[in-house]
Amino acid sequence: MRLAVALITLATLSGCTVKYDLSGSDWRKTSTIIQQTTQDEIDCVRDAREAGWAPDLILGGLLDLARWEVTDLERLSSYRRCMVAKGYQPN
């Protein structure tokens, strides 16, 4: 029971979704203006949304929380790989 409460609390605090800062300030690339950086971030977010797809198991509860967490981690990883592939380095 304590584990369930801890996982629910953790999921609630994390928001259960990946948060992206699309201000153009999290990544740097020489000779790139901030508008281009923001556009590249948006393109990578669009790609990442497709990478993190998982089937809806309709099981509910902790299993859905775990599935959402794994999906979010996949999306974030895909987003970061995309930005690095475009030549950016994290700030």
PDB file of N, CA and C in Angstrom:
ATOM      1  N   MET A   1       0.822  -1.190   0.000  1.00  0.00           N
ATOM      2  CA  MET A   1       0.000   0.000   0.000  1.00  0.00           C
ATOM      3  C   MET A   1       0.871   1.262   0.000  1.00  0.00           C
ATOM      4  N   ARG A   2       1.933   1.220   0.772  1.00  0.00           N
ATOM      5  CA  ARG A   2       2.826   2.388   0.807  1.00  0.00           C
ATOM      6  C   ARG A   2       3.474   2.636  -0.548  1.00  0.00           C
ATOM      7  N   LEU A   3       3.821   1.540  -1.227  1.00  0.00           N
ATOM      8  CA  LEU A   3       4.419   1.671  -2.557  1.00  0.00           C
ATOM      9  C   LEU A   3       3.429   2.323  -3.520  1.00  0.00           C
ATOM     10  N   ALA A   4       2.184   1.920  -3.458  1.00  0.00           N
ATOM     11  CA  ALA A   4       1.158   2.496  -4.331  1.00  0.00           C
ATOM     12  C   ALA A   4       1.002   3.985  -4.075  1.00  0.00           C
ATOM     13  N   VAL A   5       0.964   4.369  -2.816  1.00  0.00           N
ATOM     14  CA  VAL A   5       0.838   5.791  -2.477  1.00  0.00           C
ATOM     15  C   VAL A   5       2.063   6.562  -2.955  1.00  0.00           C
ATOM     16  N   ALA A   6       3.234   5.981  -2.793  1.00  0.00           N
ATOM     17  CA  ALA A   6       4.467   6.643  -3.231  1.00  0.00           C
ATOM     18  C   ALA A   6       4.475   6.834  -4.746  1.00  0.00           C
ATOM     19  N   LEU A   7       4.065   5.801  -5.495  1.00  0.00           N
ATOM     20  CA  LEU A   7       4.040   5.914  -6.953  1.00  0.00           C
ATOM     21  C   LEU A   7       3.011   6.926  -7.435  1.00  0.00           C
ATOM     22  N   ILE A   8       1.853   6.952  -6.804  1.00  0.00           N
ATOM     23  CA  ILE A   8       0.831   7.924  -7.179  1.00  0.00           C
ATOM     24  C   ILE A   8       1.311   9.342  -6.889  1.00  0.00           C
ATOM     25  N   THR A   9       1.942   9.521  -5.746  1.00  0.00           N
ATOM     26  CA  THR A   9       2.484  10.834  -5.393  1.00  0.00           C
ATOM     27  C   THR A   9       3.553  11.263  -6.382  1.00  0.00           C
ATOM     28  N   LEU A  10       4.446  10.351  -6.735  1.00  0.00           N
ATOM     29  CA  LEU A  10       5.505  10.657  -7.695  1.00  0.00           C
ATOM     30  C   LEU A  10       4.924  11.022  -9.054  1.00  0.00           C
ATOM     31  N   ALA A  11       3.944  10.265  -9.493  1.00  0.00           N
ATOM     32  CA  ALA A  11       3.320  10.557 -10.790  1.00  0.00           C
ATOM     33  C   ALA A  11       2.605  11.900 -10.769  1.00  0.00           C
ATOM     34  N   THR A  12       1.960  12.209  -9.674  1.00  0.00           N
ATOM     35  CA  THR A  12       1.264  13.492  -9.559  1.00  0.00           C
ATOM     36  C   THR A  12       2.253  14.642  -9.589  1.00  0.00           C
ATOM     37  N   LEU A  13       3.356  14.500  -8.885  1.00  0.00           N
ATOM     38  CA  LEU A  13       4.359  15.566  -8.856  1.00  0.00           C
ATOM     39  C   LEU A  13       5.051  15.740 -10.195  1.00  0.00           C
ATOM     40  N   SER A  14       5.229  14.642 -10.905  1.00  0.00           N
ATOM     41  CA  SER A  14       5.904  14.749 -12.203  1.00  0.00           C
ATOM     42  C   SER A  14       4.972  15.255 -13.290  1.00  0.00           C
ATOM     43  N   GLY A  15       3.679  15.252 -13.035  1.00  0.00           N
ATOM     44  CA  GLY A  15       2.731  15.763 -14.009  1.00  0.00           C
ATOM     45  C   GLY A  15       2.331  14.751 -15.062  1.00  0.00           C
ATOM     46  N   CYS A  16       2.956  13.601 -15.080  1.00  0.00           N
ATOM     47  CA  CYS A  16       2.623  12.509 -16.007  1.00  0.00           C
ATOM     48  C   CYS A  16       2.800  12.876 -17.471  1.00  0.00           C
ATOM     49  N   THR A  17       3.434  13.962 -17.778  1.00  0.00           N
ATOM     50  CA  THR A  17       3.682  14.310 -19.166  1.00  0.00           C
ATOM     51  C   THR A  17       5.059  14.939 -19.289  1.00  0.00           C
ATOM     52  N   VAL A  18       5.612  14.798 -20.463  1.00  0.00           N
ATOM     53  CA  VAL A  18       6.903  15.411 -20.744  1.00  0.00           C
ATOM     54  C   VAL A  18       6.698  16.902 -20.930  1.00  0.00           C
ATOM     55  N   LYS A  19       7.544  17.692 -20.310  1.00  0.00           N
ATOM     56  CA  LYS A  19       7.474  19.148 -20.458  1.00  0.00           C
ATOM     57  C   LYS A  19       8.659  19.600 -21.303  1.00  0.00           C
ATOM     58  N   TYR A  20       8.361  20.362 -22.312  1.00  0.00           N
ATOM     59  CA  TYR A  20       9.400  20.896 -23.186  1.00  0.00           C
ATOM     60  C   TYR A  20       9.435  22.407 -23.039  1.00  0.00           C
ATOM     61  N   ASP A  21      10.633  22.957 -22.957  1.00  0.00           N
ATOM     62  CA  ASP A  21      10.802  24.402 -22.956  1.00  0.00           C
ATOM     63  C   ASP A  21      11.180  24.793 -24.379  1.00  0.00           C
ATOM     64  N   LEU A  22      10.252  25.399 -25.083  1.00  0.00           N
ATOM     65  CA  LEU A  22      10.472  25.742 -26.487  1.00  0.00           C
ATOM     66  C   LEU A  22      10.881  27.196 -26.673  1.00  0.00           C
ATOM     67  N   SER A  23      11.550  27.747 -25.679  1.00  0.00           N
ATOM     68  CA  SER A  23      11.972  29.140 -25.761  1.00  0.00           C
ATOM     69  C   SER A  23      13.250  29.324 -26.576  1.00  0.00           C
ATOM     70  N   GLY A  24      13.909  28.222 -26.898  1.00  0.00           N
ATOM     71  CA  GLY A  24      15.149  28.315 -27.659  1.00  0.00           C
ATOM     72  C   GLY A  24      16.378  28.519 -26.802  1.00  0.00           C
ATOM     73  N   SER A  25      16.214  28.495 -25.483  1.00  0.00           N
ATOM     74  CA  SER A  25      17.351  28.771 -24.606  1.00  0.00           C
ATOM     75  C   SER A  25      17.982  27.522 -24.005  1.00  0.00           C
ATOM     76  N   ASP A  26      17.379  26.350 -24.188  1.00  0.00           N
ATOM     77  CA  ASP A  26      17.927  25.123 -23.607  1.00  0.00           C
ATOM     78  C   ASP A  26      19.008  24.473 -24.464  1.00  0.00           C
ATOM     79  N   TRP A  27      19.087  24.868 -25.716  1.00  0.00           N
ATOM     80  CA  TRP A  27      20.037  24.270 -26.650  1.00  0.00           C
ATOM     81  C   TRP A  27      20.868  25.360 -27.314  1.00  0.00           C
ATOM     82  N   ARG A  28      22.104  25.014 -27.698  1.00  0.00           N
ATOM     83  CA  ARG A  28      22.954  25.989 -28.379  1.00  0.00           C
ATOM     84  C   ARG A  28      23.600  25.339 -29.606  1.00  0.00           C
ATOM     85  N   LYS A  29      23.770  26.173 -30.603  1.00  0.00           N
ATOM     86  CA  LYS A  29      24.432  25.772 -31.848  1.00  0.00           C
ATOM     87  C   LYS A  29      25.026  27.035 -32.425  1.00  0.00           C
ATOM     88  N   THR A  30      26.277  26.989 -32.790  1.00  0.00           N
ATOM     89  CA  THR A  30      26.930  28.184 -33.302  1.00  0.00           C
ATOM     90  C   THR A  30      26.260  28.647 -34.592  1.00  0.00           C
ATOM     91  N   SER A  31      26.227  29.932 -34.763  1.00  0.00           N
ATOM     92  CA  SER A  31      25.682  30.587 -35.956  1.00  0.00           C
ATOM     93  C   SER A  31      24.202  30.280 -36.191  1.00  0.00           C
ATOM     94  N   THR A  32      23.446  30.107 -35.118  1.00  0.00           N
ATOM     95  CA  THR A  32      22.012  29.858 -35.243  1.00  0.00           C
ATOM     96  C   THR A  32      21.251  30.905 -34.443  1.00  0.00           C
ATOM     97  N   ILE A  33      20.243  31.497 -35.071  1.00  0.00           N
ATOM     98  CA  ILE A  33      19.434  32.483 -34.363  1.00  0.00           C
ATOM     99  C   ILE A  33      18.382  31.752 -33.522  1.00  0.00           C
ATOM    100  N   ILE A  34      17.871  32.436 -32.517  1.00  0.00           N
ATOM    101  CA  ILE A  34      16.946  31.806 -31.574  1.00  0.00           C
ATOM    102  C   ILE A  34      15.665  31.325 -32.256  1.00  0.00           C
ATOM    103  N   GLN A  35      15.228  32.014 -33.292  1.00  0.00           N
ATOM    104  CA  GLN A  35      14.026  31.586 -34.008  1.00  0.00           C
ATOM    105  C   GLN A  35      14.238  30.220 -34.672  1.00  0.00           C
ATOM    106  N   GLN A  36      15.421  30.003 -35.220  1.00  0.00           N
ATOM    107  CA  GLN A  36      15.718  28.710 -35.847  1.00  0.00           C
ATOM    108  C   GLN A  36      15.798  27.616 -34.791  1.00  0.00           C
ATOM    109  N   THR A  37      16.398  27.930 -33.650  1.00  0.00           N
ATOM    110  CA  THR A  37      16.475  26.957 -32.560  1.00  0.00           C
ATOM    111  C   THR A  37      15.080  26.561 -32.096  1.00  0.00           C
ATOM    112  N   THR A  38      14.208  27.547 -31.925  1.00  0.00           N
ATOM    113  CA  THR A  38      12.836  27.263 -31.499  1.00  0.00           C
ATOM    114  C   THR A  38      12.109  26.420 -32.540  1.00  0.00           C
ATOM    115  N   GLN A  39      12.294  26.729 -33.815  1.00  0.00           N
ATOM    116  CA  GLN A  39      11.653  25.931 -34.871  1.00  0.00           C
ATOM    117  C   GLN A  39      12.161  24.495 -34.863  1.00  0.00           C
ATOM    118  N   ASP A  40      13.461  24.319 -34.678  1.00  0.00           N
ATOM    119  CA  ASP A  40      14.024  22.967 -34.611  1.00  0.00           C
ATOM    120  C   ASP A  40      13.493  22.220 -33.386  1.00  0.00           C
ATOM    121  N   GLU A  41      13.333  22.924 -32.268  1.00  0.00           N
ATOM    122  CA  GLU A  41      12.755  22.294 -31.075  1.00  0.00           C
ATOM    123  C   GLU A  41      11.328  21.820 -31.347  1.00  0.00           C
ATOM    124  N   ILE A  42      10.545  22.647 -32.010  1.00  0.00           N
ATOM    125  CA  ILE A  42       9.160  22.289 -32.322  1.00  0.00           C
ATOM    126  C   ILE A  42       9.129  21.073 -33.249  1.00  0.00           C
ATOM    127  N   ASP A  43       9.999  21.045 -34.239  1.00  0.00           N
ATOM    128  CA  ASP A  43      10.059  19.896 -35.142  1.00  0.00           C
ATOM    129  C   ASP A  43      10.419  18.618 -34.386  1.00  0.00           C
ATOM    130  N   CYS A  44      11.348  18.717 -33.468  1.00  0.00           N
ATOM    131  CA  CYS A  44      11.762  17.545 -32.688  1.00  0.00           C
ATOM    132  C   CYS A  44      10.662  17.092 -31.732  1.00  0.00           C
ATOM    133  N   VAL A  45       9.904  18.028 -31.192  1.00  0.00           N
ATOM    134  CA  VAL A  45       8.786  17.662 -30.331  1.00  0.00           C
ATOM    135  C   VAL A  45       7.737  16.903 -31.141  1.00  0.00           C
ATOM    136  N   ARG A  46       7.474  17.365 -32.333  1.00  0.00           N
ATOM    137  CA  ARG A  46       6.501  16.665 -33.193  1.00  0.00           C
ATOM    138  C   ARG A  46       6.963  15.235 -33.475  1.00  0.00           C
ATOM    139  N   ASP A  47       8.231  15.070 -33.776  1.00  0.00           N
ATOM    140  CA  ASP A  47       8.770  13.729 -34.007  1.00  0.00           C
ATOM    141  C   ASP A  47       8.690  12.875 -32.744  1.00  0.00           C
ATOM    142  N   ALA A  48       8.991  13.479 -31.611  1.00  0.00           N
ATOM    143  CA  ALA A  48       9.013  12.740 -30.344  1.00  0.00           C
ATOM    144  C   ALA A  48       7.618  12.277 -29.928  1.00  0.00           C
ATOM    145  N   ARG A  49       6.613  13.035 -30.273  1.00  0.00           N
ATOM    146  CA  ARG A  49       5.242  12.636 -29.919  1.00  0.00           C
ATOM    147  C   ARG A  49       4.880  11.305 -30.546  1.00  0.00           C
ATOM    148  N   GLU A  50       5.376  11.051 -31.739  1.00  0.00           N
ATOM    149  CA  GLU A  50       5.103   9.779 -32.410  1.00  0.00           C
ATOM    150  C   GLU A  50       5.964   8.657 -31.852  1.00  0.00           C
ATOM    151  N   ALA A  51       7.156   8.976 -31.384  1.00  0.00           N
ATOM    152  CA  ALA A  51       8.082   7.955 -30.888  1.00  0.00           C
ATOM    153  C   ALA A  51       7.612   7.333 -29.585  1.00  0.00           C
ATOM    154  N   GLY A  52       6.863   8.065 -28.801  1.00  0.00           N
ATOM    155  CA  GLY A  52       6.471   7.571 -27.497  1.00  0.00           C
ATOM    156  C   GLY A  52       5.120   6.911 -27.456  1.00  0.00           C
ATOM    157  N   TRP A  53       4.590   6.512 -28.591  1.00  0.00           N
ATOM    158  CA  TRP A  53       3.265   5.918 -28.607  1.00  0.00           C
ATOM    159  C   TRP A  53       3.292   4.523 -28.006  1.00  0.00           C
ATOM    160  N   ALA A  54       2.306   4.235 -27.202  1.00  0.00           N
ATOM    161  CA  ALA A  54       2.140   2.894 -26.631  1.00  0.00           C
ATOM    162  C   ALA A  54       0.651   2.570 -26.650  1.00  0.00           C
ATOM    163  N   PRO A  55       0.301   1.302 -26.840  1.00  0.00           N
ATOM    164  CA  PRO A  55      -1.119   0.952 -26.876  1.00  0.00           C
ATOM    165  C   PRO A  55      -1.774   1.172 -25.512  1.00  0.00           C
ATOM    166  N   ASP A  56      -3.035   1.534 -25.546  1.00  0.00           N
ATOM    167  CA  ASP A  56      -3.783   1.716 -24.310  1.00  0.00           C
ATOM    168  C   ASP A  56      -4.175   0.338 -23.796  1.00  0.00           C
ATOM    169  N   LEU A  57      -3.683  -0.010 -22.641  1.00  0.00           N
ATOM    170  CA  LEU A  57      -3.912  -1.345 -22.100  1.00  0.00           C
ATOM    171  C   LEU A  57      -5.251  -1.484 -21.382  1.00  0.00           C
ATOM    172  N   ILE A  58      -5.874  -0.376 -21.064  1.00  0.00           N
ATOM    173  CA  ILE A  58      -7.159  -0.335 -20.372  1.00  0.00           C
ATOM    174  C   ILE A  58      -7.106  -1.150 -19.082  1.00  0.00           C
ATOM    175  N   LEU A  59      -5.987  -1.144 -18.427  1.00  0.00           N
ATOM    176  CA  LEU A  59      -5.850  -1.868 -17.173  1.00  0.00           C
ATOM    177  C   LEU A  59      -6.041  -0.948 -15.981  1.00  0.00           C
ATOM    178  N   GLY A  60      -5.674   0.305 -16.160  1.00  0.00           N
ATOM    179  CA  GLY A  60      -5.869   1.283 -15.105  1.00  0.00           C
ATOM    180  C   GLY A  60      -4.845   1.180 -13.986  1.00  0.00           C
ATOM    181  N   GLY A  61      -5.020   2.072 -13.048  1.00  0.00           N
ATOM    182  CA  GLY A  61      -4.200   2.078 -11.842  1.00  0.00           C
ATOM    183  C   GLY A  61      -2.720   2.251 -12.077  1.00  0.00           C
ATOM    184  N   LEU A  62      -1.955   1.520 -11.314  1.00  0.00           N
ATOM    185  CA  LEU A  62      -0.503   1.651 -11.342  1.00  0.00           C
ATOM    186  C   LEU A  62       0.100   1.198 -12.670  1.00  0.00           C
ATOM    187  N   LEU A  63      -0.552   0.268 -13.341  1.00  0.00           N
ATOM    188  CA  LEU A  63      -0.025  -0.177 -14.628  1.00  0.00           C
ATOM    189  C   LEU A  63      -0.059   0.945 -15.663  1.00  0.00           C
ATOM    190  N   ASP A  64      -1.124   1.728 -15.656  1.00  0.00           N
ATOM    191  CA  ASP A  64      -1.183   2.863 -16.570  1.00  0.00           C
ATOM    192  C   ASP A  64      -0.149   3.918 -16.207  1.00  0.00           C
ATOM    193  N   LEU A  65       0.057   4.152 -14.917  1.00  0.00           N
ATOM    194  CA  LEU A  65       1.075   5.120 -14.500  1.00  0.00           C
ATOM    195  C   LEU A  65       2.452   4.694 -14.985  1.00  0.00           C
ATOM    196  N   ALA A  66       2.752   3.417 -14.855  1.00  0.00           N
ATOM    197  CA  ALA A  66       4.046   2.908 -15.316  1.00  0.00           C
ATOM    198  C   ALA A  66       4.169   3.045 -16.829  1.00  0.00           C
ATOM    199  N   ARG A  67       3.091   2.726 -17.559  1.00  0.00           N
ATOM    200  CA  ARG A  67       3.112   2.836 -19.019  1.00  0.00           C
ATOM    201  C   ARG A  67       3.326   4.280 -19.445  1.00  0.00           C
ATOM    202  N   TRP A  68       2.639   5.216 -18.777  1.00  0.00           N
ATOM    203  CA  TRP A  68       2.802   6.637 -19.102  1.00  0.00           C
ATOM    204  C   TRP A  68       4.222   7.101 -18.840  1.00  0.00           C
ATOM    205  N   GLU A  69       4.803   6.650 -17.751  1.00  0.00           N
ATOM    206  CA  GLU A  69       6.173   7.057 -17.414  1.00  0.00           C
ATOM    207  C   GLU A  69       7.161   6.558 -18.466  1.00  0.00           C
ATOM    208  N   VAL A  70       7.017   5.301 -18.867  1.00  0.00           N
ATOM    209  CA  VAL A  70       7.900   4.745 -19.896  1.00  0.00           C
ATOM    210  C   VAL A  70       7.718   5.495 -21.212  1.00  0.00           C
ATOM    211  N   THR A  71       6.482   5.785 -21.563  1.00  0.00           N
ATOM    212  CA  THR A  71       6.202   6.533 -22.796  1.00  0.00           C
ATOM    213  C   THR A  71       6.836   7.917 -22.746  1.00  0.00           C
ATOM    214  N   ASP A  72       6.714   8.591 -21.614  1.00  0.00           N
ATOM    215  CA  ASP A  72       7.308   9.923 -21.473  1.00  0.00           C
ATOM    216  C   ASP A  72       8.821   9.871 -21.584  1.00  0.00           C
ATOM    217  N   LEU A  73       9.444   8.868 -20.988  1.00  0.00           N
ATOM    218  CA  LEU A  73      10.897   8.736 -21.080  1.00  0.00           C
ATOM    219  C   LEU A  73      11.329   8.479 -22.522  1.00  0.00           C
ATOM    220  N   GLU A  74      10.568   7.687 -23.261  1.00  0.00           N
ATOM    221  CA  GLU A  74      10.875   7.446 -24.672  1.00  0.00           C
ATOM    222  C   GLU A  74      10.774   8.735 -25.479  1.00  0.00           C
ATOM    223  N   ARG A  75       9.735   9.523 -25.213  1.00  0.00           N
ATOM    224  CA  ARG A  75       9.557  10.785 -25.939  1.00  0.00           C
ATOM    225  C   ARG A  75      10.688  11.756 -25.653  1.00  0.00           C
ATOM    226  N   LEU A  76      11.067  11.875 -24.399  1.00  0.00           N
ATOM    227  CA  LEU A  76      12.141  12.791 -24.032  1.00  0.00           C
ATOM    228  C   LEU A  76      13.462  12.355 -24.655  1.00  0.00           C
ATOM    229  N   SER A  77      13.721  11.071 -24.648  1.00  0.00           N
ATOM    230  CA  SER A  77      14.942  10.550 -25.257  1.00  0.00           C
ATOM    231  C   SER A  77      14.952  10.804 -26.765  1.00  0.00           C
ATOM    232  N   SER A  78      13.825  10.598 -27.409  1.00  0.00           N
ATOM    233  CA  SER A  78      13.718  10.850 -28.846  1.00  0.00           C
ATOM    234  C   SER A  78      13.942  12.326 -29.156  1.00  0.00           C
ATOM    235  N   TYR A  79      13.355  13.199 -28.339  1.00  0.00           N
ATOM    236  CA  TYR A  79      13.514  14.645 -28.514  1.00  0.00           C
ATOM    237  C   TYR A  79      14.991  15.039 -28.407  1.00  0.00           C
ATOM    238  N   ARG A  80      15.649  14.539 -27.405  1.00  0.00           N
ATOM    239  CA  ARG A  80      17.074  14.879 -27.213  1.00  0.00           C
ATOM    240  C   ARG A  80      17.927  14.358 -28.363  1.00  0.00           C
ATOM    241  N   ARG A  81      17.668  13.130 -28.809  1.00  0.00           N
ATOM    242  CA  ARG A  81      18.423  12.589 -29.949  1.00  0.00           C
ATOM    243  C   ARG A  81      18.214  13.431 -31.197  1.00  0.00           C
ATOM    244  N   CYS A  82      16.995  13.879 -31.416  1.00  0.00           N
ATOM    245  CA  CYS A  82      16.684  14.717 -32.577  1.00  0.00           C
ATOM    246  C   CYS A  82      17.471  16.029 -32.533  1.00  0.00           C
ATOM    247  N   MET A  83      17.478  16.666 -31.376  1.00  0.00           N
ATOM    248  CA  MET A  83      18.187  17.934 -31.260  1.00  0.00           C
ATOM    249  C   MET A  83      19.699  17.751 -31.470  1.00  0.00           C
ATOM    250  N   VAL A  84      20.251  16.685 -30.931  1.00  0.00           N
ATOM    251  CA  VAL A  84      21.677  16.413 -31.127  1.00  0.00           C
ATOM    252  C   VAL A  84      21.952  16.112 -32.596  1.00  0.00           C
ATOM    253  N   ALA A  85      21.055  15.386 -33.245  1.00  0.00           N
ATOM    254  CA  ALA A  85      21.219  15.063 -34.671  1.00  0.00           C
ATOM    255  C   ALA A  85      21.188  16.337 -35.523  1.00  0.00           C
ATOM    256  N   LYS A  86      20.493  17.368 -35.075  1.00  0.00           N
ATOM    257  CA  LYS A  86      20.442  18.645 -35.796  1.00  0.00           C
ATOM    258  C   LYS A  86      21.664  19.520 -35.485  1.00  0.00           C
ATOM    259  N   GLY A  87      22.564  19.023 -34.643  1.00  0.00           N
ATOM    260  CA  GLY A  87      23.801  19.742 -34.362  1.00  0.00           C
ATOM    261  C   GLY A  87      23.798  20.589 -33.103  1.00  0.00           C
ATOM    262  N   TYR A  88      22.791  20.438 -32.252  1.00  0.00           N
ATOM    263  CA  TYR A  88      22.687  21.233 -31.035  1.00  0.00           C
ATOM    264  C   TYR A  88      23.342  20.520 -29.864  1.00  0.00           C
ATOM    265  N   GLN A  89      23.766  21.331 -28.907  1.00  0.00           N
ATOM    266  CA  GLN A  89      24.298  20.843 -27.637  1.00  0.00           C
ATOM    267  C   GLN A  89      23.446  21.427 -26.523  1.00  0.00           C
ATOM    268  N   PRO A  90      23.142  20.643 -25.485  1.00  0.00           N
ATOM    269  CA  PRO A  90      22.348  21.194 -24.383  1.00  0.00           C
ATOM    270  C   PRO A  90      23.131  22.247 -23.624  1.00  0.00           C
ATOM    271  N   ASN A  91      22.424  23.268 -23.128  1.00  0.00           N
ATOM    272  CA  ASN A  91      23.059  24.303 -22.313  1.00  0.00           C
ATOM    273  C   ASN A  91      23.334  23.794 -20.930  1.00  0.00           C
TER     274      ASN A  91
END
